[in-house]
Amino acid sequence: MKHYLFIDYATQGYIALVGVLILFFHNATVPEWPWLLTAHAVALVVVHGLIQWGARHPDQPVISLLRHFYPVLLYTGFYRETGMLNRMFVPDYLDEHFILLEQSLFGGQPCLRLMQMFPQLWVSEVFYAAYFSYYVMIVGVGLALFWKSRTHFFHYVSVNSFVFYCCYLTYIFLPVMGPRAFFREIDGFELPAAVQALAGDPSYPDSVKAGPFFQIMAWIYRNFEGPGAAFPSSHVAIALCTVWFSFRYLPRIRWPHLVVAVLLCISTVYCRYHYVVDVVAGALTMAVLVPVGDWLYRRYSGHTERSGAGGQ
């Protein structure tokens, strides 16, 4: 399509594909499907209009930024939507199978054991801060690339978005709640008693609950987290994707960034957000999708190879 770049094909393709899934496969678990379908139709029209608007005003920096930045504005909506659609194809969350797999691999539940082994406040705060750094990485690397080079920034948004969309699509077909299943936080879902018993006492140590970063993440999860989005871990996939861009374009921060990202990967298990297999799957997702996304970006990069306003 005229003026379309890789990021536009990926975004419009995701919106259209999920819209088709809603239209043909909605069931009693998606009572609001007409509104969701309407939202997808509106999004297709609005994004197309934004692309054409950007093509008519290529030298306007604000319009150019919005034209390439718009996928970021859609991430939260797409993510929350997966929690509304993830029982169209699978009757319920698949955590029982993941918990039993962890039990067979490790002889227990690492997502519970780590915190029980290291309940000290300073340890928990290091890991909760590392987990929170996910949001700082996405925004921080994006801003650094935006000020350094518009071309690098557009590259970053395009590949990150591609990885996000693939994760979101997986969540619709493969709903896994993560270790939260032990705490029965989602109405209508409960682990079988024999599986629940594997947790022993899954309560959080008081020392951990006293930490400010624990409280911050608890607030974020209460208000923004969607159910069934644990496998693969998008936190791991996207955090490692931002590291890939640091090594490519931001050499001054690459090694500290890598250290924090490794701590983040461990924190997803320590903080009881993911199973170990989620983390491994997230790393593999990044290893496969980032090269594919990079190739597609360059194949369909068009005028983004030119530097925009603000630098080479």
Protein backbone atom coordinates (compact mmCIF):
# COMPACT_ATOMS: atom_id res chain seq x y z
CA MET A 1 0.00 0.00 0.00
CA LYS A 2 1.21 3.48 -0.83
CA HIS A 3 3.34 5.13 1.88
CA TYR A 4 3.21 2.02 4.07
CA LEU A 5 6.36 0.90 5.88
CA PHE A 6 7.11 -2.28 7.78
CA ILE A 7 5.72 -0.92 11.05
CA ASP A 8 2.46 -0.04 9.29
CA TYR A 9 2.04 -3.46 7.69
CA ALA A 10 2.77 -5.09 11.05
CA THR A 11 0.37 -2.87 13.01
CA GLN A 12 -2.46 -2.91 10.50
CA GLY A 13 -1.95 -6.64 9.99
CA TYR A 14 -2.22 -7.28 13.72
CA ILE A 15 -5.34 -5.12 14.06
CA ALA A 16 -6.99 -6.81 11.07
CA LEU A 17 -6.02 -10.37 12.09
CA VAL A 18 -7.31 -10.00 15.65
CA GLY A 19 -10.46 -8.37 14.29
CA VAL A 20 -11.08 -11.41 12.07
CA LEU A 21 -10.52 -13.73 15.04
CA ILE A 22 -13.05 -11.77 17.07
CA LEU A 23 -15.60 -11.81 14.25
CA PHE A 24 -15.46 -15.54 13.56
CA PHE A 25 -14.45 -17.08 16.88
CA HIS A 26 -16.03 -14.97 19.62
CA ASN A 27 -17.96 -16.95 22.20
CA ALA A 28 -19.62 -16.47 25.57
CA THR A 29 -16.29 -15.42 27.10
CA VAL A 30 -16.26 -12.29 24.88
CA PRO A 31 -19.64 -10.62 25.51
CA GLU A 32 -18.30 -7.25 24.42
CA TRP A 33 -17.15 -8.53 21.00
CA PRO A 34 -19.20 -6.01 18.94
CA TRP A 35 -17.44 -3.12 20.69
CA LEU A 36 -14.04 -4.72 20.23
CA LEU A 37 -14.74 -5.33 16.55
CA THR A 38 -15.83 -1.71 16.12
CA ALA A 39 -12.67 -0.53 17.87
CA HIS A 40 -10.54 -2.54 15.46
CA ALA A 41 -12.34 -1.09 12.45
CA VAL A 42 -11.89 2.43 13.78
CA ALA A 43 -8.20 1.77 14.52
CA LEU A 44 -7.61 0.58 10.95
CA VAL A 45 -9.12 3.79 9.56
CA VAL A 46 -7.33 6.10 12.01
CA VAL A 47 -3.92 4.49 11.50
CA HIS A 48 -4.32 4.59 7.72
CA GLY A 49 -5.27 8.26 7.94
CA LEU A 50 -2.23 9.01 10.10
CA ILE A 51 0.05 7.29 7.60
CA GLN A 52 -1.34 9.37 4.73
CA TRP A 53 -1.16 12.55 6.83
CA GLY A 54 2.50 11.85 7.55
CA ALA A 55 3.15 11.32 3.82
CA ARG A 56 1.67 14.74 3.01
CA HIS A 57 3.80 16.49 5.66
CA PRO A 58 7.13 14.63 5.67
CA ASP A 59 9.13 17.65 6.83
CA GLN A 60 7.04 18.44 9.90
CA PRO A 61 8.95 16.95 12.88
CA VAL A 62 5.92 16.62 15.17
CA ILE A 63 3.82 14.90 12.53
CA SER A 64 6.75 12.69 11.57
CA LEU A 65 7.24 11.67 15.21
CA LEU A 66 3.56 10.84 15.68
CA ARG A 67 3.46 8.95 12.39
CA HIS A 68 6.26 6.62 13.55
CA PHE A 69 5.53 6.64 17.29
CA TYR A 70 1.82 5.74 17.10
CA PRO A 71 2.29 1.96 17.70
CA VAL A 72 3.58 2.71 21.21
CA LEU A 73 0.24 4.37 21.98
CA LEU A 74 -1.52 1.11 21.13
CA TYR A 75 0.56 -1.29 23.24
CA THR A 76 -1.48 -1.08 26.44
CA GLY A 77 -4.80 -1.48 24.63
CA PHE A 78 -3.59 -4.46 22.64
CA TYR A 79 -2.14 -6.03 25.77
CA ARG A 80 -5.27 -5.63 27.88
CA GLU A 81 -7.37 -6.95 25.01
CA THR A 82 -5.52 -10.29 25.06
CA GLY A 83 -6.99 -10.92 28.51
CA MET A 84 -10.47 -10.51 27.04
CA LEU A 85 -9.87 -12.87 24.12
CA ASN A 86 -7.68 -15.62 25.51
CA ARG A 87 -10.48 -18.09 26.14
CA MET A 88 -11.87 -18.08 22.63
CA PHE A 89 -9.66 -21.02 21.68
CA VAL A 90 -8.65 -22.54 25.03
CA PRO A 91 -11.32 -23.17 27.70
CA ASP A 92 -9.19 -21.99 30.61
CA TYR A 93 -5.72 -21.00 31.70
CA LEU A 94 -3.01 -23.60 31.16
CA ASP A 95 -1.07 -23.04 34.37
CA GLU A 96 -1.65 -26.54 35.69
CA HIS A 97 0.50 -27.95 32.87
CA PHE A 98 3.23 -25.35 33.31
CA ILE A 99 3.40 -25.91 37.07
CA LEU A 100 3.69 -29.66 36.60
CA LEU A 101 6.42 -29.11 33.99
CA GLU A 102 8.37 -26.92 36.42
CA GLN A 103 7.91 -29.56 39.11
CA SER A 104 9.31 -32.26 36.86
CA LEU A 105 12.24 -30.11 35.70
CA PHE A 106 13.28 -28.59 39.03
CA GLY A 107 11.70 -30.81 41.69
CA GLY A 108 9.75 -27.82 42.97
CA GLN A 109 8.59 -24.34 42.06
CA PRO A 110 11.48 -21.90 41.54
CA CYS A 111 8.95 -19.05 41.27
CA LEU A 112 8.18 -19.60 44.96
CA ARG A 113 11.46 -20.98 46.27
CA LEU A 114 13.68 -18.05 45.29
CA MET A 115 11.83 -15.55 47.44
CA GLN A 116 11.62 -18.05 50.32
CA MET A 117 15.39 -18.58 50.11
CA PHE A 118 16.21 -14.85 49.94
CA PRO A 119 13.50 -12.89 51.79
CA GLN A 120 15.80 -10.05 52.84
CA LEU A 121 14.41 -6.61 52.04
CA TRP A 122 17.49 -5.44 50.16
CA VAL A 123 17.47 -8.53 47.95
CA SER A 124 13.80 -8.23 47.13
CA GLU A 125 14.10 -4.53 46.40
CA VAL A 126 16.99 -5.11 43.99
CA PHE A 127 14.88 -7.58 42.05
CA TYR A 128 11.66 -5.55 42.17
CA ALA A 129 13.62 -2.49 41.04
CA ALA A 130 15.09 -4.56 38.21
CA TYR A 131 11.60 -5.69 37.22
CA PHE A 132 10.38 -2.09 37.28
CA SER A 133 13.34 -1.11 35.08
CA TYR A 134 11.47 -2.73 32.17
CA TYR A 135 9.42 0.45 31.79
CA VAL A 136 12.50 2.64 32.14
CA MET A 137 14.33 0.59 29.47
CA ILE A 138 11.58 0.95 26.90
CA VAL A 139 11.17 4.69 27.40
CA GLY A 140 14.82 5.47 28.15
CA VAL A 141 16.32 3.71 25.15
CA GLY A 142 13.58 5.15 22.97
CA LEU A 143 14.25 8.72 24.11
CA ALA A 144 18.02 8.29 23.76
CA LEU A 145 17.61 7.06 20.19
CA PHE A 146 15.07 9.77 19.40
CA TRP A 147 17.54 12.50 20.33
CA LYS A 148 20.48 10.74 18.72
CA SER A 149 18.90 9.74 15.41
CA ARG A 150 15.32 9.67 14.15
CA THR A 151 16.23 6.79 11.85
CA HIS A 152 17.51 4.71 14.77
CA PHE A 153 14.41 5.61 16.78
CA PHE A 154 12.07 4.51 13.97
CA HIS A 155 14.05 1.27 13.69
CA TYR A 156 13.69 0.72 17.44
CA VAL A 157 9.93 1.29 17.49
CA SER A 158 9.41 -0.93 14.46
CA VAL A 159 11.28 -3.98 15.76
CA ASN A 160 9.98 -3.61 19.33
CA SER A 161 6.41 -3.41 18.02
CA PHE A 162 6.88 -6.51 15.90
CA VAL A 163 8.05 -8.47 18.95
CA PHE A 164 5.17 -7.15 21.04
CA TYR A 165 2.56 -8.11 18.42
CA CYS A 166 3.88 -11.66 18.17
CA CYS A 167 3.75 -12.01 21.95
CA TYR A 168 0.23 -10.60 22.12
CA LEU A 169 -1.00 -12.98 19.45
CA THR A 170 0.52 -15.90 21.36
CA TYR A 171 -1.33 -14.87 24.53
CA ILE A 172 -4.67 -15.11 22.73
CA PHE A 173 -4.02 -18.74 21.80
CA LEU A 174 -1.93 -19.82 24.80
CA PRO A 175 -3.25 -18.26 28.02
CA VAL A 176 -0.93 -18.77 30.99
CA MET A 177 -1.45 -16.71 34.12
CA GLY A 178 1.94 -17.33 35.71
CA PRO A 179 2.62 -17.89 39.44
CA ARG A 180 -0.28 -15.61 40.30
CA ALA A 181 -2.34 -18.76 39.78
CA PHE A 182 -1.13 -19.96 43.17
CA PHE A 183 -2.76 -16.93 44.77
CA ARG A 184 -6.05 -17.31 42.89
CA GLU A 185 -6.11 -13.67 41.92
CA ILE A 186 -8.31 -14.14 38.85
CA ASP A 187 -12.01 -14.69 39.41
CA GLY A 188 -13.36 -17.89 37.95
CA PHE A 189 -10.04 -19.72 37.82
CA GLU A 190 -8.70 -22.09 40.43
CA LEU A 191 -5.91 -24.63 40.27
CA PRO A 192 -6.74 -28.28 41.01
CA ALA A 193 -6.18 -29.01 44.69
CA ALA A 194 -3.28 -31.39 44.00
CA VAL A 195 -1.48 -28.74 41.95
CA GLN A 196 -2.21 -25.99 44.46
CA ALA A 197 -0.69 -28.19 47.17
CA LEU A 198 2.67 -28.05 45.38
CA ALA A 199 2.98 -24.44 46.50
CA GLY A 200 2.98 -25.22 50.21
CA ASP A 201 2.68 -21.80 51.84
CA PRO A 202 2.88 -19.30 48.95
CA SER A 203 2.52 -16.19 51.12
CA TYR A 204 4.92 -13.27 50.69
CA PRO A 205 7.41 -12.63 53.52
CA ASP A 206 6.63 -9.48 55.51
CA SER A 207 10.12 -8.18 54.77
CA VAL A 208 9.41 -8.29 51.03
CA LYS A 209 6.03 -6.58 51.34
CA ALA A 210 7.64 -3.66 53.20
CA GLY A 211 9.65 -2.57 50.16
CA PRO A 212 8.62 0.49 48.09
CA PHE A 213 9.33 -1.20 44.75
CA PHE A 214 7.18 -4.15 45.83
CA GLN A 215 4.35 -1.69 46.50
CA ILE A 216 4.86 0.07 43.17
CA MET A 217 4.69 -3.18 41.22
CA ALA A 218 1.67 -4.36 43.22
CA TRP A 219 -0.15 -1.17 42.22
CA ILE A 220 0.82 -1.58 38.55
CA TYR A 221 -0.40 -5.17 38.48
CA ARG A 222 -3.66 -4.32 40.23
CA ASN A 223 -4.48 -1.62 37.71
CA PHE A 224 -2.88 -2.56 34.39
CA GLU A 225 -2.01 -6.25 34.23
CA GLY A 226 -4.04 -8.51 31.98
CA PRO A 227 -4.59 -12.19 32.81
CA GLY A 228 -3.06 -14.97 30.77
CA ALA A 229 -0.06 -13.11 29.35
CA ALA A 230 2.84 -15.00 30.91
CA PHE A 231 4.16 -17.27 28.13
CA PRO A 232 6.45 -16.21 26.59
CA SER A 233 7.57 -13.45 28.92
CA SER A 234 7.29 -10.20 26.97
CA HIS A 235 9.23 -8.54 29.81
CA VAL A 236 12.20 -10.73 28.96
CA ALA A 237 11.76 -10.54 25.18
CA ILE A 238 11.40 -6.75 25.08
CA ALA A 239 14.07 -6.05 27.71
CA LEU A 240 16.58 -8.09 25.71
CA CYS A 241 15.39 -6.36 22.55
CA THR A 242 16.22 -2.98 24.09
CA VAL A 243 19.66 -4.36 25.00
CA TRP A 244 20.13 -5.38 21.35
CA PHE A 245 19.54 -1.76 20.35
CA SER A 246 21.91 -0.50 23.04
CA PHE A 247 24.69 -2.71 21.70
CA ARG A 248 23.89 -1.48 18.19
CA TYR A 249 23.43 2.24 18.73
CA LEU A 250 24.22 3.24 22.36
CA PRO A 251 27.66 1.84 23.25
CA ARG A 252 28.05 3.96 26.40
CA ILE A 253 25.23 2.19 28.21
CA ARG A 254 25.38 -1.27 26.66
CA TRP A 255 27.11 -3.14 29.49
CA PRO A 256 25.23 -1.58 32.44
CA HIS A 257 22.04 -2.10 30.44
CA LEU A 258 22.89 -5.76 29.93
CA VAL A 259 23.52 -6.27 33.66
CA VAL A 260 20.16 -4.73 34.57
CA ALA A 261 18.43 -6.83 31.90
CA VAL A 262 19.94 -10.03 33.32
CA LEU A 263 18.71 -9.02 36.78
CA LEU A 264 15.30 -8.38 35.24
CA CYS A 265 15.22 -11.90 33.78
CA ILE A 266 15.94 -13.37 37.22
CA SER A 267 13.46 -11.00 38.85
CA THR A 268 10.56 -12.27 36.75
CA VAL A 269 10.89 -15.57 38.62
CA TYR A 270 11.94 -14.17 42.01
CA CYS A 271 9.06 -11.67 42.06
CA ARG A 272 6.59 -14.45 41.15
CA TYR A 273 5.42 -13.09 37.83
CA HIS A 274 6.70 -15.90 35.60
CA TYR A 275 7.70 -19.53 35.54
CA VAL A 276 11.25 -20.37 34.47
CA VAL A 277 9.96 -21.76 31.17
CA ASP A 278 8.34 -18.36 30.47
CA VAL A 279 11.73 -16.70 30.82
CA VAL A 280 13.45 -19.20 28.53
CA ALA A 281 10.66 -18.79 25.98
CA GLY A 282 10.97 -15.01 26.21
CA ALA A 283 14.70 -15.15 25.50
CA LEU A 284 14.15 -17.50 22.55
CA THR A 285 11.37 -15.24 21.28
CA MET A 286 13.77 -12.31 21.24
CA ALA A 287 16.53 -14.38 19.61
CA VAL A 288 14.22 -15.41 16.76
CA LEU A 289 12.00 -12.36 16.26
CA VAL A 290 14.52 -9.52 16.53
CA PRO A 291 16.58 -10.68 13.51
CA VAL A 292 13.37 -11.33 11.57
CA GLY A 293 11.96 -7.93 12.52
CA ASP A 294 15.25 -6.24 11.66
CA TRP A 295 15.28 -7.87 8.22
CA LEU A 296 11.66 -6.93 7.56
CA TYR A 297 12.30 -3.38 8.69
CA ARG A 298 15.18 -3.00 6.27
CA ARG A 299 13.25 -4.72 3.49
CA TYR A 300 10.32 -2.32 3.87
CA SER A 301 12.06 0.66 5.45
CA GLY A 302 11.38 3.12 2.62
CA HIS A 303 12.09 6.69 3.54
CA THR A 304 12.97 5.85 7.15
CA GLU A 305 16.53 5.27 5.98
CA ARG A 306 16.77 9.01 5.65
CA SER A 307 17.50 10.89 8.83
CA GLY A 308 14.57 12.83 10.15
CA ALA A 309 14.68 16.12 12.01
CA GLY A 310 17.05 16.01 14.87
CA GLY A 311 20.14 14.18 13.65
CA GLN A 312 21.70 11.35 11.74
